[in-house]
């Protein structure tokens, strides 16, 4: 659910800082739940999706200028 909200914020508000806060939280979850491979994999996939979306938004906005 947090991933969906973050992607919506990236698309609608173009707020990269918000997405980086969620990446930070997911890294913390990964470090605390390192014994559970399912949690680590899910968090890693979420991080990748968020970073790709944020980078795409930043690059897209730079190209429009």
N, C-alpha and C. Protein backbone atom coordinates (compact mmCIF):
# COMPACT_ATOMS: atom_id res chain seq x y z
N UNK A 1 0.84 -1.19 0.00
CA UNK A 1 0.00 0.00 0.00
C UNK A 1 0.89 1.26 0.00
N UNK A 2 1.95 1.22 0.77
CA UNK A 2 2.85 2.38 0.83
C UNK A 2 3.49 2.64 -0.54
N UNK A 3 3.76 1.59 -1.28
CA UNK A 3 4.33 1.75 -2.62
C UNK A 3 3.36 2.47 -3.54
N UNK A 4 2.10 2.12 -3.48
CA UNK A 4 1.08 2.75 -4.33
C UNK A 4 0.94 4.24 -3.98
N UNK A 5 0.91 4.54 -2.70
CA UNK A 5 0.81 5.94 -2.26
C UNK A 5 2.04 6.72 -2.72
N UNK A 6 3.21 6.14 -2.58
CA UNK A 6 4.44 6.83 -2.97
C UNK A 6 4.46 7.08 -4.48
N UNK A 7 4.06 6.10 -5.26
CA UNK A 7 4.02 6.30 -6.71
C UNK A 7 3.02 7.39 -7.08
N UNK A 8 1.90 7.44 -6.38
CA UNK A 8 0.92 8.49 -6.63
C UNK A 8 1.49 9.86 -6.30
N UNK A 9 2.24 9.97 -5.21
CA UNK A 9 2.87 11.26 -4.83
C UNK A 9 3.92 11.66 -5.87
N UNK A 10 4.68 10.69 -6.36
CA UNK A 10 5.69 11.00 -7.37
C UNK A 10 5.02 11.54 -8.63
N UNK A 11 3.96 10.89 -9.06
CA UNK A 11 3.29 11.27 -10.30
C UNK A 11 2.53 12.59 -10.15
N UNK A 12 1.78 12.74 -9.07
CA UNK A 12 0.91 13.91 -8.95
C UNK A 12 1.64 15.15 -8.43
N UNK A 13 2.49 14.96 -7.45
CA UNK A 13 3.15 16.13 -6.83
C UNK A 13 4.60 16.31 -7.24
N UNK A 14 5.15 15.29 -7.90
CA UNK A 14 6.56 15.31 -8.31
C UNK A 14 7.49 15.57 -7.12
N UNK A 15 7.19 14.88 -6.02
CA UNK A 15 7.92 15.07 -4.76
C UNK A 15 8.92 13.93 -4.56
N UNK A 16 10.16 14.18 -4.95
CA UNK A 16 11.21 13.16 -4.83
C UNK A 16 11.60 12.96 -3.37
N UNK A 17 11.57 13.99 -2.58
CA UNK A 17 11.95 13.88 -1.16
C UNK A 17 11.05 12.89 -0.43
N UNK A 18 9.76 12.91 -0.71
CA UNK A 18 8.84 11.96 -0.08
C UNK A 18 9.22 10.53 -0.44
N UNK A 19 9.57 10.31 -1.68
CA UNK A 19 9.93 8.96 -2.10
C UNK A 19 11.23 8.50 -1.44
N UNK A 20 12.15 9.41 -1.23
CA UNK A 20 13.41 9.04 -0.58
C UNK A 20 13.20 8.69 0.89
N UNK A 21 12.22 9.30 1.53
CA UNK A 21 11.89 8.96 2.91
C UNK A 21 11.39 7.52 2.97
N UNK A 22 10.57 7.13 2.03
CA UNK A 22 10.07 5.76 2.02
C UNK A 22 11.20 4.77 1.71
N UNK A 23 12.11 5.15 0.82
CA UNK A 23 13.28 4.29 0.56
C UNK A 23 14.07 4.09 1.84
N UNK A 24 14.26 5.16 2.58
CA UNK A 24 14.98 5.09 3.85
C UNK A 24 14.26 4.14 4.82
N UNK A 25 12.95 4.25 4.91
CA UNK A 25 12.17 3.37 5.78
C UNK A 25 12.29 1.91 5.33
N UNK A 26 12.24 1.67 4.04
CA UNK A 26 12.37 0.29 3.54
C UNK A 26 13.75 -0.29 3.81
N UNK A 27 14.78 0.53 3.72
CA UNK A 27 16.13 0.07 4.06
C UNK A 27 16.18 -0.32 5.55
N UNK A 28 15.55 0.47 6.39
CA UNK A 28 15.48 0.14 7.82
C UNK A 28 14.74 -1.16 8.06
N UNK A 29 13.66 -1.36 7.35
CA UNK A 29 12.91 -2.61 7.47
C UNK A 29 13.78 -3.78 7.02
N UNK A 30 14.49 -3.60 5.93
CA UNK A 30 15.38 -4.66 5.45
C UNK A 30 16.44 -5.02 6.49
N UNK A 31 17.00 -4.02 7.13
CA UNK A 31 18.07 -4.30 8.10
C UNK A 31 17.54 -4.98 9.36
N UNK A 32 16.35 -4.60 9.80
CA UNK A 32 15.78 -5.19 11.01
C UNK A 32 15.17 -6.57 10.76
N UNK A 33 14.73 -6.82 9.54
CA UNK A 33 14.08 -8.09 9.22
C UNK A 33 14.96 -8.96 8.31
N UNK A 34 16.26 -8.85 8.46
CA UNK A 34 17.18 -9.53 7.56
C UNK A 34 17.06 -11.05 7.57
N UNK A 35 16.50 -11.62 8.62
CA UNK A 35 16.35 -13.08 8.67
C UNK A 35 15.17 -13.56 7.83
N UNK A 36 14.28 -12.69 7.44
CA UNK A 36 13.11 -13.06 6.63
C UNK A 36 13.36 -12.65 5.18
N UNK A 37 13.67 -13.62 4.35
CA UNK A 37 13.99 -13.33 2.95
C UNK A 37 12.81 -12.74 2.19
N UNK A 38 11.61 -13.11 2.56
CA UNK A 38 10.42 -12.57 1.89
C UNK A 38 10.30 -11.07 2.13
N UNK A 39 10.52 -10.65 3.36
CA UNK A 39 10.45 -9.22 3.70
C UNK A 39 11.56 -8.46 3.00
N UNK A 40 12.76 -9.02 3.02
CA UNK A 40 13.91 -8.35 2.39
C UNK A 40 13.68 -8.22 0.88
N UNK A 41 13.21 -9.27 0.24
CA UNK A 41 12.98 -9.22 -1.20
C UNK A 41 11.87 -8.22 -1.54
N UNK A 42 10.81 -8.23 -0.78
CA UNK A 42 9.70 -7.30 -1.03
C UNK A 42 10.16 -5.86 -0.86
N UNK A 43 10.92 -5.58 0.18
CA UNK A 43 11.43 -4.23 0.39
C UNK A 43 12.39 -3.81 -0.72
N UNK A 44 13.24 -4.73 -1.16
CA UNK A 44 14.19 -4.42 -2.22
C UNK A 44 13.48 -4.11 -3.53
N UNK A 45 12.45 -4.87 -3.84
CA UNK A 45 11.68 -4.62 -5.06
C UNK A 45 10.98 -3.26 -4.95
N UNK A 46 10.43 -2.96 -3.78
CA UNK A 46 9.79 -1.66 -3.56
C UNK A 46 10.77 -0.51 -3.74
N UNK A 47 11.96 -0.68 -3.20
CA UNK A 47 13.00 0.35 -3.35
C UNK A 47 13.33 0.56 -4.82
N UNK A 48 13.51 -0.53 -5.54
CA UNK A 48 13.85 -0.41 -6.96
C UNK A 48 12.76 0.30 -7.74
N UNK A 49 11.51 -0.05 -7.49
CA UNK A 49 10.39 0.58 -8.20
C UNK A 49 10.32 2.07 -7.89
N UNK A 50 10.49 2.43 -6.62
CA UNK A 50 10.43 3.83 -6.22
C UNK A 50 11.57 4.63 -6.85
N UNK A 51 12.78 4.08 -6.82
CA UNK A 51 13.92 4.81 -7.38
C UNK A 51 13.79 4.97 -8.89
N UNK A 52 13.29 3.95 -9.56
CA UNK A 52 13.08 4.05 -11.01
C UNK A 52 12.03 5.11 -11.32
N UNK A 53 10.93 5.11 -10.57
CA UNK A 53 9.88 6.10 -10.80
C UNK A 53 10.37 7.52 -10.53
N UNK A 54 11.12 7.69 -9.45
CA UNK A 54 11.64 9.02 -9.11
C UNK A 54 12.64 9.49 -10.16
N UNK A 55 13.52 8.60 -10.59
CA UNK A 55 14.51 8.97 -11.61
C UNK A 55 13.82 9.32 -12.93
N UNK A 56 12.81 8.56 -13.29
CA UNK A 56 12.07 8.83 -14.52
C UNK A 56 11.39 10.19 -14.45
N UNK A 57 10.83 10.51 -13.30
CA UNK A 57 10.17 11.80 -13.12
C UNK A 57 11.18 12.95 -13.22
N UNK A 58 12.32 12.80 -12.58
CA UNK A 58 13.34 13.85 -12.61
C UNK A 58 13.88 14.03 -14.02
N UNK A 59 14.20 12.94 -14.69
CA UNK A 59 14.74 13.03 -16.05
C UNK A 59 13.69 13.61 -17.00
N UNK A 60 12.44 13.17 -16.85
CA UNK A 60 11.36 13.70 -17.69
C UNK A 60 11.14 15.19 -17.50
N UNK A 61 11.22 15.66 -16.26
CA UNK A 61 11.02 17.09 -16.02
C UNK A 61 12.20 17.90 -16.54
N UNK A 62 13.39 17.34 -16.51
CA UNK A 62 14.56 18.05 -17.04
C UNK A 62 14.52 18.15 -18.55
N UNK A 63 14.01 17.10 -19.20
CA UNK A 63 13.93 17.12 -20.65
C UNK A 63 12.89 18.10 -21.16
N UNK A 64 11.84 18.36 -20.34
CA UNK A 64 10.79 19.29 -20.74
C UNK A 64 11.27 20.74 -20.70
N UNK A 65 12.33 21.00 -19.96
CA UNK A 65 12.81 22.38 -19.82
C UNK A 65 13.62 22.81 -20.98
